[in-house]
Amino acid sequence: MPNLTLERAFQSLKPAAVLDVGCGCGGHSTRTLLELCDRVVAIDVAPRLARWHEIAQSSKARFSCMDALALGFPRDAFPLVVESAALHHIARWPEVLTEMLRVSSDSILLQEPLDDLRSAAKQRTFEAQGLFLSLQAEVGVPHYLHLTRDAILLALEGQAVIVETRLETSDAPVSFDEFFESFDVFASQSGRKEYWLDKLQTMRSKFAGAPLCEDDTLTMWATKRTTR
């Protein structure tokens, strides 16, 4: 397909039901899926049901607290299985790909942020992400470096799928405060809040008001060979 956006995927496949893996609070991709599909099943290992209240008003959506490493669905249960910025939160993410393919009767769609140090803003963003990762690791929230296209392709080798990719680059600025909007929440959970806030202030001074940058986005569409 020349265009691998979510909308294009739905136009091509017209799935009656979709599984959203690693949905988080539901705002990242599930809301979009609800506009495109008759039924959405969304799963995440963390039970964020409070923030799901509004989405749950739709009879088309169902949330389950479930580990993506062991999806509780039979083989070929969904025509399309998607994830959006979820894989880099999972250490054993290649196993998640295998599970996604198992429960899909046709295709999986992956959307992951990519790092590219092509500009000063991108370099600042990469450094800022490193600070966030260190804090999240301390409080037990899984979050790892962004994946690469080659790493995902390697994980899909031998899976009997046809893979197409699309890279969307962005140099749109992101303010320091916007990027670190939830930093205080994690710092409060660490038991070393002042330490982390000092680290944040040191970085703020270093950047001196210079903006950060949006991530690039890699979209990958993997279709089972037996379905075409």
Protein backbone atom coordinates (compact mmCIF):
# COMPACT_ATOMS: atom_id res chain seq x y z
CA MET A 1 0.00 0.00 0.00
CA PRO A 2 1.36 3.45 -0.81
CA ASN A 3 -0.20 4.99 2.29
CA LEU A 4 0.03 3.15 5.57
CA THR A 5 -1.95 5.46 7.81
CA LEU A 6 -4.61 3.95 10.05
CA GLU A 7 -7.39 5.27 7.82
CA ARG A 8 -5.86 3.72 4.72
CA ALA A 9 -5.50 0.38 6.48
CA PHE A 10 -9.19 0.35 7.29
CA GLN A 11 -10.14 1.30 3.74
CA SER A 12 -8.11 -1.65 2.44
CA LEU A 13 -9.15 -4.31 4.95
CA LYS A 14 -12.56 -3.11 6.19
CA PRO A 15 -12.28 -5.12 9.43
CA ALA A 16 -15.40 -5.76 11.48
CA ALA A 17 -13.36 -5.88 14.68
CA VAL A 18 -9.96 -4.62 15.79
CA LEU A 19 -7.71 -5.42 18.74
CA ASP A 20 -5.75 -2.46 20.15
CA VAL A 21 -2.70 -3.77 22.02
CA GLY A 22 -1.18 -1.60 24.76
CA CYS A 23 -3.97 0.96 24.59
CA GLY A 24 -2.97 2.86 27.74
CA CYS A 25 -5.78 5.16 28.84
CA GLY A 26 -7.50 4.78 25.48
CA GLY A 27 -6.82 8.26 24.19
CA HIS A 28 -3.82 7.45 22.02
CA SER A 29 -5.39 5.23 19.35
CA THR A 30 -8.60 3.67 20.61
CA ARG A 31 -10.62 6.84 20.03
CA THR A 32 -9.50 6.89 16.41
CA LEU A 33 -10.31 3.21 15.99
CA LEU A 34 -13.84 3.77 17.28
CA GLU A 35 -14.46 6.17 14.40
CA LEU A 36 -13.39 3.56 11.86
CA CYS A 37 -14.62 0.20 13.09
CA ASP A 38 -17.77 -1.55 14.35
CA ARG A 39 -16.04 -3.14 17.36
CA VAL A 40 -12.84 -2.37 19.24
CA VAL A 41 -11.30 -4.55 21.92
CA ALA A 42 -8.48 -2.75 23.75
CA ILE A 43 -6.03 -4.30 26.17
CA ASP A 44 -3.32 -3.04 28.50
CA VAL A 45 -1.43 -4.63 31.37
CA ALA A 46 -2.22 -1.66 33.64
CA PRO A 47 -5.88 -1.27 34.67
CA ARG A 48 -6.50 2.38 33.83
CA LEU A 49 -10.27 1.97 33.98
CA ALA A 50 -10.95 5.38 35.54
CA ARG A 51 -9.72 7.18 32.43
CA TRP A 52 -11.65 4.74 30.27
CA HIS A 53 -15.01 5.89 31.60
CA GLU A 54 -15.85 8.20 28.70
CA ILE A 55 -14.79 5.73 26.01
CA ALA A 56 -16.67 2.92 27.74
CA GLN A 57 -19.93 4.76 27.09
CA SER A 58 -19.67 3.45 23.54
CA SER A 59 -21.16 -0.01 23.06
CA LYS A 60 -18.50 -0.57 20.41
CA ALA A 61 -15.57 -0.59 22.85
CA ARG A 62 -14.42 -3.12 25.44
CA PHE A 63 -11.36 -2.84 27.68
CA SER A 64 -9.54 -5.81 29.23
CA CYS A 65 -6.59 -5.76 31.62
CA MET A 66 -4.28 -8.20 29.87
CA ASP A 67 -0.59 -8.85 29.27
CA ALA A 68 0.35 -8.43 25.61
CA LEU A 69 2.81 -11.31 26.00
CA ALA A 70 -0.11 -13.72 26.47
CA LEU A 71 -3.17 -12.45 24.63
CA GLY A 72 -6.24 -14.28 25.87
CA PHE A 73 -7.83 -14.72 22.45
CA PRO A 74 -7.92 -17.68 20.05
CA ARG A 75 -5.92 -17.80 16.85
CA ASP A 76 -7.27 -15.58 14.04
CA ALA A 77 -9.71 -13.84 16.41
CA PHE A 78 -9.36 -10.38 14.78
CA PRO A 79 -8.84 -9.37 11.15
CA LEU A 80 -6.62 -6.48 12.26
CA VAL A 81 -4.46 -6.08 15.37
CA VAL A 82 -2.82 -2.70 16.00
CA GLU A 83 -0.44 -1.08 18.43
CA SER A 84 0.55 2.57 18.70
CA ALA A 85 3.68 3.56 20.63
CA ALA A 86 3.32 0.51 22.88
CA LEU A 87 6.16 -1.84 21.89
CA HIS A 88 8.94 0.31 23.32
CA HIS A 89 7.28 -0.04 26.74
CA ILE A 90 7.83 -3.82 26.67
CA ALA A 91 11.21 -5.47 27.17
CA ARG A 92 10.20 -8.67 25.35
CA TRP A 93 8.47 -6.86 22.51
CA PRO A 94 9.36 -9.43 19.78
CA GLU A 95 7.17 -11.93 21.63
CA VAL A 96 4.33 -9.40 21.49
CA LEU A 97 4.65 -9.31 17.68
CA THR A 98 4.30 -13.09 17.60
CA GLU A 99 1.18 -12.90 19.76
CA MET A 100 -0.31 -10.13 17.61
CA LEU A 101 0.20 -12.25 14.50
CA ARG A 102 -1.29 -15.31 16.21
CA VAL A 103 -4.59 -13.61 17.03
CA SER A 104 -4.82 -11.79 13.68
CA SER A 105 -6.48 -13.50 10.74
CA ASP A 106 -5.03 -11.02 8.26
CA SER A 107 -2.75 -8.17 9.32
CA ILE A 108 -1.07 -6.25 12.09
CA LEU A 109 -0.33 -2.52 12.04
CA LEU A 110 2.51 -1.04 14.09
CA GLN A 111 3.14 2.65 14.77
CA GLU A 112 6.30 3.47 16.72
CA PRO A 113 8.26 6.68 17.40
CA LEU A 114 11.77 6.85 15.95
CA ASP A 115 14.87 8.75 17.02
CA ASP A 116 16.90 10.75 14.52
CA LEU A 117 19.62 13.12 15.72
CA ARG A 118 19.59 15.21 12.53
CA SER A 119 19.13 18.54 14.31
CA ALA A 120 19.91 20.27 17.59
CA ALA A 121 16.24 20.03 18.58
CA LYS A 122 16.24 16.28 17.92
CA GLN A 123 19.43 15.91 19.97
CA ARG A 124 17.88 17.83 22.88
CA THR A 125 14.81 15.60 22.67
CA PHE A 126 16.95 12.46 22.81
CA GLU A 127 18.77 13.80 25.88
CA ALA A 128 15.47 14.75 27.51
CA GLN A 129 14.08 11.30 26.85
CA GLY A 130 17.12 9.82 28.60
CA LEU A 131 16.30 11.78 31.76
CA PHE A 132 12.70 10.62 31.64
CA LEU A 133 13.77 7.00 31.12
CA SER A 134 16.06 7.13 34.16
CA LEU A 135 13.27 8.42 36.38
CA GLN A 136 10.71 5.93 35.05
CA ALA A 137 13.13 3.06 35.58
CA GLU A 138 13.53 4.08 39.21
CA VAL A 139 9.78 4.03 39.87
CA GLY A 140 9.24 0.72 38.06
CA VAL A 141 7.46 2.01 34.96
CA PRO A 142 8.69 0.09 31.92
CA HIS A 143 9.87 2.36 29.15
CA TYR A 144 12.82 1.70 26.90
CA LEU A 145 14.67 3.35 24.06
CA HIS A 146 12.68 3.72 20.88
CA LEU A 147 12.89 0.80 18.47
CA THR A 148 14.46 0.92 15.02
CA ARG A 149 13.05 -0.19 11.69
CA ASP A 150 15.78 -2.82 11.31
CA ALA A 151 15.10 -4.26 14.76
CA ILE A 152 11.41 -4.70 13.99
CA LEU A 153 12.11 -6.22 10.57
CA LEU A 154 14.54 -8.66 12.18
CA ALA A 155 11.89 -9.67 14.72
CA LEU A 156 9.43 -10.34 11.87
CA GLU A 157 11.85 -12.55 9.94
CA GLY A 158 10.51 -16.07 9.48
CA GLN A 159 6.96 -15.01 10.37
CA ALA A 160 5.55 -15.56 6.84
CA VAL A 161 4.38 -11.98 6.44
CA ILE A 162 4.64 -9.33 3.77
CA VAL A 163 5.87 -6.11 5.39
CA GLU A 164 5.45 -2.57 4.11
CA THR A 165 6.77 0.51 5.86
CA ARG A 166 6.26 4.23 5.89
CA LEU A 167 8.31 6.86 7.70
CA GLU A 168 6.76 10.18 8.66
CA THR A 169 9.29 12.76 9.74
CA SER A 170 8.49 15.75 11.90
CA ASP A 171 10.51 18.72 13.05
CA ALA A 172 7.60 20.43 14.79
CA PRO A 173 8.79 22.10 18.01
CA VAL A 174 7.71 20.90 21.44
CA SER A 175 8.19 23.14 24.45
CA PHE A 176 10.24 21.98 27.44
CA ASP A 177 7.22 22.18 29.75
CA GLU A 178 5.03 20.21 27.35
CA PHE A 179 7.58 17.41 27.03
CA PHE A 180 8.03 17.13 30.80
CA GLU A 181 4.35 17.66 31.66
CA SER A 182 4.08 14.43 33.70
CA PHE A 183 7.62 14.48 35.13
CA ASP A 184 6.47 15.78 38.52
CA VAL A 185 4.04 12.86 38.87
CA PHE A 186 6.80 10.30 38.42
CA ALA A 187 9.21 12.28 40.60
CA SER A 188 6.65 12.19 43.43
CA GLN A 189 6.56 8.39 43.20
CA SER A 190 10.34 8.02 43.43
CA GLY A 191 11.01 8.95 47.04
CA ARG A 192 13.66 11.35 45.70
CA LYS A 193 11.46 14.07 44.32
CA GLU A 194 13.82 16.95 45.02
CA TYR A 195 16.73 15.10 43.42
CA TRP A 196 14.80 14.58 40.19
CA LEU A 197 13.41 18.09 40.12
CA ASP A 198 16.96 19.41 40.51
CA LYS A 199 18.02 17.26 37.54
CA LEU A 200 15.14 18.70 35.56
CA GLN A 201 16.08 22.25 36.47
CA THR A 202 19.69 21.62 35.43
CA MET A 203 18.47 20.44 32.03
CA ARG A 204 16.12 23.41 31.71
CA SER A 205 19.04 25.77 32.32
CA LYS A 206 21.22 23.91 29.83
CA PHE A 207 18.61 24.15 27.06
CA ALA A 208 17.99 27.84 27.86
CA GLY A 209 14.53 27.95 26.33
CA ALA A 210 15.45 26.14 23.11
CA PRO A 211 12.61 23.88 21.96
CA LEU A 212 12.53 20.12 21.75
CA CYS A 213 11.00 18.29 18.81
CA GLU A 214 8.24 15.85 17.90
CA ASP A 215 9.29 12.28 17.21
CA ASP A 216 9.38 10.78 13.75
CA THR A 217 6.86 7.95 13.30
CA LEU A 218 7.40 4.57 11.69
CA THR A 219 4.32 2.73 10.45
CA MET A 220 4.65 -0.94 9.54
CA TRP A 221 1.93 -3.07 7.95
CA ALA A 222 2.52 -6.83 8.15
CA THR A 223 0.11 -9.05 6.21
CA LYS A 224 0.05 -12.80 6.56
CA ARG A 225 1.06 -14.45 3.29
CA THR A 226 -1.68 -17.07 3.58
CA THR A 227 -4.39 -14.37 3.46
CA ARG A 228 -3.51 -12.95 0.05
